[in-house]
C-alpha atoms as a PDB file:
ATOM      1  CA  LEU A   1     -92.706 -38.811-183.474  1.00  0.00           C
ATOM      2  CA  GLU A   2     -94.205 -41.902-183.758  1.00  0.00           C
ATOM      3  CA  LYS A   3     -92.433 -43.234-186.083  1.00  0.00           C
ATOM      4  CA  LEU A   4     -89.169 -41.947-184.395  1.00  0.00           C
ATOM      5  CA  ILE A   5     -90.192 -43.993-181.139  1.00  0.00           C
ATOM      6  CA  SER A   6     -91.428 -46.836-182.939  1.00  0.00           C
ATOM      7  CA  ASN A   7     -87.790 -47.085-184.490  1.00  0.00           C
ATOM      8  CA  LEU A   8     -86.071 -46.260-181.483  1.00  0.00           C
ATOM      9  CA  LEU A   9     -88.086 -48.909-179.762  1.00  0.00           C
ATOM     10  CA  ASP A  10     -87.175 -51.745-182.251  1.00  0.00           C
ATOM     11  CA  PHE A  11     -83.182 -50.847-182.086  1.00  0.00           C
ATOM     12  CA  ALA A  12     -83.503 -51.027-178.377  1.00  0.00           C
ATOM     13  CA  ARG A  13     -85.519 -54.191-178.314  1.00  0.00           C
ATOM     14  CA  SER A  14     -83.023 -57.069-179.124  1.00  0.00           C
ATOM     15  CA  SER A  15     -85.492 -59.563-179.773  1.00  0.00           C
ATOM     16  CA  THR A  16     -84.099 -63.468-180.602  1.00  0.00           C
ATOM     17  CA  PRO A  17     -84.845 -64.274-184.263  1.00  0.00           C
ATOM     18  CA  GLN A  18     -87.750 -67.122-184.385  1.00  0.00           C
ATOM     19  CA  LEU A  19     -85.466 -69.458-186.658  1.00  0.00           C
ATOM     20  CA  VAL A  20     -87.558 -71.177-189.252  1.00  0.00           C
ATOM     21  CA  THR A  21     -86.617 -72.242-192.739  1.00  0.00           C
ATOM     22  CA  VAL A  22     -87.067 -69.242-195.301  1.00  0.00           C
ATOM     23  CA  LYS A  23     -87.063 -69.549-199.323  1.00  0.00           C
ATOM     24  CA  PRO A  24     -85.127 -66.643-200.033  1.00  0.00           C
ATOM     25  CA  SER A  25     -86.710 -65.545-203.283  1.00  0.00           C
ATOM     26  CA  GLU A  26     -90.204 -65.777-201.008  1.00  0.00           C
ATOM     27  CA  LEU A  27     -89.047 -63.103-198.845  1.00  0.00           C
ATOM     28  CA  VAL A  28     -87.570 -60.605-201.398  1.00  0.00           C
ATOM     29  CA  ASP A  29     -90.880 -61.111-203.726  1.00  0.00           C
ATOM     30  CA  ALA A  30     -92.996 -60.042-200.384  1.00  0.00           C
ATOM     31  CA  CYS A  31     -91.081 -57.008-199.850  1.00  0.00           C
ATOM     32  CA  LEU A  32     -91.166 -55.940-203.292  1.00  0.00           C
ATOM     33  CA  LEU A  33     -94.726 -56.266-203.511  1.00  0.00           C
ATOM     34  CA  LEU A  34     -95.158 -54.192-200.277  1.00  0.00           C
ATOM     35  CA  LEU A  35     -92.945 -51.090-202.444  1.00  0.00           C
ATOM     36  CA  GLN A  36     -94.084 -51.602-205.743  1.00  0.00           C
ATOM     37  CA  SER A  37     -96.229 -48.208-205.820  1.00  0.00           C
ATOM     38  CA  GLN A  38     -93.304 -46.981-204.611  1.00  0.00           C
ATOM     39  CA  ILE A  39     -90.808 -48.220-207.413  1.00  0.00           C
ATOM     40  CA  ALA A  40     -93.731 -47.192-210.006  1.00  0.00           C
ATOM     41  CA  LYS A  41     -94.399 -43.723-208.801  1.00  0.00           C
ATOM     42  CA  LEU A  42     -90.764 -42.911-209.769  1.00  0.00           C
ATOM     43  CA  GLY A  43     -90.965 -44.834-212.853  1.00  0.00           C
ATOM     44  CA  LEU A  44     -87.967 -47.260-211.416  1.00  0.00           C
ATOM     45  CA  GLN A  45     -86.681 -50.438-213.920  1.00  0.00           C
ATOM     46  CA  LEU A  46     -86.780 -53.482-211.725  1.00  0.00           C
ATOM     47  CA  SER A  47     -84.802 -56.343-212.505  1.00  0.00           C
ATOM     48  CA  ARG A  48     -85.073 -59.472-210.419  1.00  0.00           C
ATOM     49  CA  GLU A  49     -81.849 -61.749-210.996  1.00  0.00           C
ATOM     50  CA  TYR A  50     -82.815 -64.927-209.210  1.00  0.00           C
ATOM     51  CA  HIS A  51     -84.266 -68.371-209.411  1.00  0.00           C
ATOM     52  CA  PRO A  52     -87.037 -69.059-207.330  1.00  0.00           C
ATOM     53  CA  ASP A  53     -85.628 -72.574-206.369  1.00  0.00           C
ATOM     54  CA  LEU A  54     -82.387 -71.349-204.575  1.00  0.00           C
ATOM     55  CA  PRO A  55     -81.427 -73.213-201.284  1.00  0.00           C
ATOM     56  CA  THR A  56     -82.998 -72.045-198.085  1.00  0.00           C
ATOM     57  CA  VAL A  57     -81.877 -70.591-195.294  1.00  0.00           C
ATOM     58  CA  VAL A  58     -82.466 -70.375-191.571  1.00  0.00           C
ATOM     59  CA  GLY A  59     -83.790 -67.103-190.000  1.00  0.00           C
ATOM     60  CA  ASP A  60     -86.445 -64.902-188.873  1.00  0.00           C
ATOM     61  CA  PRO A  61     -88.579 -63.993-191.539  1.00  0.00           C
ATOM     62  CA  GLY A  62     -90.018 -61.074-190.007  1.00  0.00           C
ATOM     63  CA  GLN A  63     -86.777 -59.694-189.121  1.00  0.00           C
ATOM     64  CA  LEU A  64     -85.373 -60.390-192.609  1.00  0.00           C
ATOM     65  CA  LYS A  65     -87.944 -58.771-194.070  1.00  0.00           C
ATOM     66  CA  GLN A  66     -87.560 -55.512-192.286  1.00  0.00           C
ATOM     67  CA  VAL A  67     -84.203 -55.828-193.230  1.00  0.00           C
ATOM     68  CA  LEU A  68     -84.865 -55.580-197.007  1.00  0.00           C
ATOM     69  CA  LEU A  69     -87.121 -53.311-196.258  1.00  0.00           C
ATOM     70  CA  ASN A  70     -84.975 -51.089-194.767  1.00  0.00           C
ATOM     71  CA  ILE A  71     -82.773 -51.380-197.563  1.00  0.00           C
ATOM     72  CA  LEU A  72     -85.122 -51.504-200.219  1.00  0.00           C
ATOM     73  CA  THR A  73     -86.576 -48.386-198.850  1.00  0.00           C
ATOM     74  CA  ASN A  74     -83.259 -46.248-199.159  1.00  0.00           C
ATOM     75  CA  ALA A  75     -82.332 -47.585-202.461  1.00  0.00           C
ATOM     76  CA  ILE A  76     -85.611 -46.288-203.932  1.00  0.00           C
ATOM     77  CA  GLN A  77     -85.480 -43.072-201.731  1.00  0.00           C
ATOM     78  CA  ALA A  78     -82.426 -42.345-203.340  1.00  0.00           C
ATOM     79  CA  SER A  79     -82.811 -42.992-207.032  1.00  0.00           C
ATOM     80  CA  LYS A  80     -83.832 -40.645-209.281  1.00  0.00           C
ATOM     81  CA  PRO A  81     -87.163 -41.267-211.742  1.00  0.00           C
ATOM     82  CA  GLY A  82     -86.776 -43.610-214.388  1.00  0.00           C
ATOM     83  CA  GLY A  83     -83.571 -44.982-212.531  1.00  0.00           C
ATOM     84  CA  ARG A  84     -83.013 -48.564-212.279  1.00  0.00           C
ATOM     85  CA  LEU A  85     -83.428 -51.018-208.761  1.00  0.00           C
ATOM     86  CA  THR A  86     -81.913 -54.505-209.162  1.00  0.00           C
ATOM     87  CA  VAL A  87     -81.940 -56.973-206.934  1.00  0.00           C
ATOM     88  CA  ARG A  88     -79.922 -60.413-207.288  1.00  0.00           C
ATOM     89  CA  LEU A  89     -79.907 -63.833-205.163  1.00  0.00           C
ATOM     90  CA  GLU A  90     -77.157 -66.586-205.343  1.00  0.00           C
ATOM     91  CA  THR A  91     -75.067 -68.592-203.641  1.00  0.00           C
ATOM     92  CA  LEU A  92     -71.426 -68.559-203.123  1.00  0.00           C
ATOM     93  CA  SER A  93     -70.087 -71.404-201.580  1.00  0.00           C
ATOM     94  CA  GLU A  94     -72.071 -71.783-198.024  1.00  0.00           C
ATOM     95  CA  TRP A  95     -73.788 -68.496-198.410  1.00  0.00           C
ATOM     96  CA  LEU A  96     -76.639 -66.683-199.534  1.00  0.00           C
ATOM     97  CA  LEU A  97     -76.121 -63.285-201.320  1.00  0.00           C
ATOM     98  CA  VAL A  98     -78.867 -60.603-201.425  1.00  0.00           C
ATOM     99  CA  GLU A  99     -77.529 -57.855-203.749  1.00  0.00           C
ATOM    100  CA  ILE A 100     -79.835 -54.462-203.704  1.00  0.00           C
ATOM    101  CA  GLU A 101     -78.366 -52.405-206.504  1.00  0.00           C
ATOM    102  CA  ASP A 102     -79.978 -48.950-207.333  1.00  0.00           C
ATOM    103  CA  THR A 103     -78.678 -46.025-209.694  1.00  0.00           C
ATOM    104  CA  GLY A 104     -79.157 -43.376-207.674  1.00  0.00           C
ATOM    105  CA  CYS A 105     -77.368 -40.346-205.687  1.00  0.00           C
ATOM    106  CA  GLY A 106     -74.583 -42.948-204.016  1.00  0.00           C
ATOM    107  CA  ILE A 107     -73.421 -42.023-200.581  1.00  0.00           C
ATOM    108  CA  PRO A 108     -70.215 -40.145-199.991  1.00  0.00           C
ATOM    109  CA  ASN A 109     -67.110 -41.592-198.879  1.00  0.00           C
ATOM    110  CA  GLN A 110     -66.555 -39.377-195.772  1.00  0.00           C
ATOM    111  CA  GLN A 111     -70.449 -40.620-194.742  1.00  0.00           C
ATOM    112  CA  LEU A 112     -69.714 -44.453-195.946  1.00  0.00           C
ATOM    113  CA  LYS A 113     -67.995 -45.358-192.705  1.00  0.00           C
ATOM    114  CA  ASN A 114     -70.901 -44.043-190.342  1.00  0.00           C
ATOM    115  CA  ILE A 115     -74.210 -45.437-191.887  1.00  0.00           C
ATOM    116  CA  PHE A 116     -74.591 -48.225-189.982  1.00  0.00           C
ATOM    117  CA  ASP A 117     -74.254 -46.067-186.751  1.00  0.00           C
ATOM    118  CA  PRO A 118     -77.532 -45.237-184.964  1.00  0.00           C
ATOM    119  CA  PHE A 119     -78.979 -41.891-185.583  1.00  0.00           C
ATOM    120  CA  VAL A 120     -76.896 -41.095-188.976  1.00  0.00           C
ATOM    121  CA  THR A 121     -78.974 -40.002-191.655  1.00  0.00           C
ATOM    122  CA  THR A 122     -78.759 -38.039-194.939  1.00  0.00           C
ATOM    123  CA  LYS A 123     -82.650 -37.602-194.837  1.00  0.00           C
ATOM    124  CA  ASP A 124     -84.519 -34.872-193.614  1.00  0.00           C
ATOM    125  CA  ASP A 125     -86.964 -37.104-192.321  1.00  0.00           C
ATOM    126  CA  GLY A 126     -84.805 -39.888-191.137  1.00  0.00           C
ATOM    127  CA  THR A 127     -84.228 -41.140-188.212  1.00  0.00           C
ATOM    128  CA  GLY A 128     -81.405 -43.171-188.733  1.00  0.00           C
ATOM    129  CA  LEU A 129     -81.956 -46.258-187.318  1.00  0.00           C
ATOM    130  CA  GLY A 130     -83.035 -48.201-190.490  1.00  0.00           C
ATOM    131  CA  LEU A 131     -79.489 -49.347-191.201  1.00  0.00           C
ATOM    132  CA  SER A 132     -78.443 -49.909-187.898  1.00  0.00           C
ATOM    133  CA  ILE A 133     -81.402 -52.121-187.036  1.00  0.00           C
ATOM    134  CA  ALA A 134     -80.646 -54.044-190.557  1.00  0.00           C
ATOM    135  CA  LEU A 135     -77.011 -54.768-189.178  1.00  0.00           C
ATOM    136  CA  ARG A 136     -77.949 -55.762-185.960  1.00  0.00           C
ATOM    137  CA  ILE A 137     -80.103 -58.253-187.060  1.00  0.00           C
ATOM    138  CA  ILE A 138     -78.133 -59.824-190.012  1.00  0.00           C
ATOM    139  CA  GLU A 139     -75.374 -60.245-186.967  1.00  0.00           C
ATOM    140  CA  ASP A 140     -78.129 -61.966-185.022  1.00  0.00           C
ATOM    141  CA  HIS A 141     -78.353 -64.007-188.128  1.00  0.00           C
ATOM    142  CA  ARG A 142     -74.559 -64.741-188.278  1.00  0.00           C
ATOM    143  CA  GLY A 143     -74.525 -62.986-191.226  1.00  0.00           C
ATOM    144  CA  ARG A 144     -72.876 -59.827-192.655  1.00  0.00           C
ATOM    145  CA  ILE A 145     -73.650 -56.852-194.851  1.00  0.00           C
ATOM    146  CA  GLU A 146     -71.293 -54.935-197.231  1.00  0.00           C
ATOM    147  CA  VAL A 147     -71.245 -51.833-198.870  1.00  0.00           C
ATOM    148  CA  ASP A 148     -70.163 -50.402-202.416  1.00  0.00           C
ATOM    149  CA  SER A 149     -71.134 -46.817-203.564  1.00  0.00           C
ATOM    150  CA  LYS A 150     -70.319 -44.040-205.652  1.00  0.00           C
ATOM    151  CA  GLU A 151     -71.492 -40.861-205.522  1.00  0.00           C
ATOM    152  CA  GLY A 152     -73.533 -39.633-208.229  1.00  0.00           C
ATOM    153  CA  ILE A 153     -73.459 -43.218-209.658  1.00  0.00           C
ATOM    154  CA  GLY A 154     -75.617 -45.720-207.064  1.00  0.00           C
ATOM    155  CA  SER A 155     -74.967 -47.908-204.422  1.00  0.00           C
ATOM    156  CA  ARG A 156     -74.567 -51.776-203.938  1.00  0.00           C
ATOM    157  CA  PHE A 157     -75.594 -53.534-200.669  1.00  0.00           C
ATOM    158  CA  THR A 158     -74.783 -57.259-200.117  1.00  0.00           C
ATOM    159  CA  ILE A 159     -76.285 -59.201-197.515  1.00  0.00           C
ATOM    160  CA  HIS A 160     -74.395 -62.731-196.804  1.00  0.00           C
ATOM    161  CA  LEU A 161     -76.850 -64.794-194.764  1.00  0.00           C
ATOM    162  CA  PRO A 162     -75.256 -68.670-194.445  1.00  0.00           C
ATOM    163  CA  LEU A 163     -77.182 -71.418-196.113  1.00  0.00           C
ATOM    164  CA  ALA A 164     -79.485 -74.062-194.070  1.00  0.00           C
ATOM    165  CA  ALA A 165     -77.787 -77.181-193.509  1.00  0.00           C
ATOM    166  CA  PRO A 166     -79.003 -79.848-195.698  1.00  0.00           C
ATOM    167  CA  ALA A 167     -81.408 -82.331-194.165  1.00  0.00           C
ATOM    168  CA  VAL A 168     -79.724 -85.544-193.694  1.00  0.00           C
ATOM    169  CA  ALA A 169     -81.401 -88.475-194.848  1.00  0.00           C
ATOM    170  CA  GLU A 170     -81.566 -91.338-192.227  1.00  0.00           C
ATOM    171  CA  VAL A 171     -80.673 -94.499-193.706  1.00  0.00           C
ATOM    172  CA  PRO A 172     -81.851 -97.697-191.931  1.00  0.00           C
ATOM    173  CA  GLY A 173     -78.908 -99.536-190.423  1.00  0.00           C
ATOM    174  CA  GLN A 174     -76.794 -96.635-190.369  1.00  0.00           C
ATOM    175  CA  PRO A 175     -75.965 -94.253-187.322  1.00  0.00           C
ATOM    176  CA  THR A 176     -76.568 -90.570-187.828  1.00  0.00           C
END
C-alpha cells in the first residue's frame, strides 16, 4: 500500500525537471549498479554497448534515473533465468538513443497500445504507474519512448533524448 501511494503521488506530482548537463553512460552505470543483485540472481547476461565519452544531454539526473530504473526493472522482471539484458547507448543525428532490450516474455500485441496508460499492469504486485511516469518524464525532457516487443521473444524500449547543444566558444572581437 505504501508503494502504491508513493507511486501515485509521484505520478500526480508533476515537477519541473532541474536541468543540468548529464553524461548518459554515468546514469546507466549508476542504475545498473543498483540493480546488479537482481541481474545476478536471475543469472542474466548483461551486455553494455556504449562508449563512456558519448555526447551529453541536458536533463534532471534524478528523473532520468527513475525512467531507467523503471524500464530496467521491468526488463529484469520479464526475463527468464539465464536470459540476456542489453543496454545500448548511441547517437543519431541530434538525439541520444538509450535502448534497453531483454529476452524475456515480451508484451502481447493487444496490451502494447496501453502499456503507458496509468494503472495498466500485468504484474500481480505492480501499480501500473512505472511506464506512465517514465513517459511523462521523457516528454518533459522533449524526448520520446518507442517500444518493440514480440511475445515469447522479448522487448526493446528505445528512449530518444535531445543531445545537449555544443558550447559555443567565444572568440575575442567576434559577436556571439
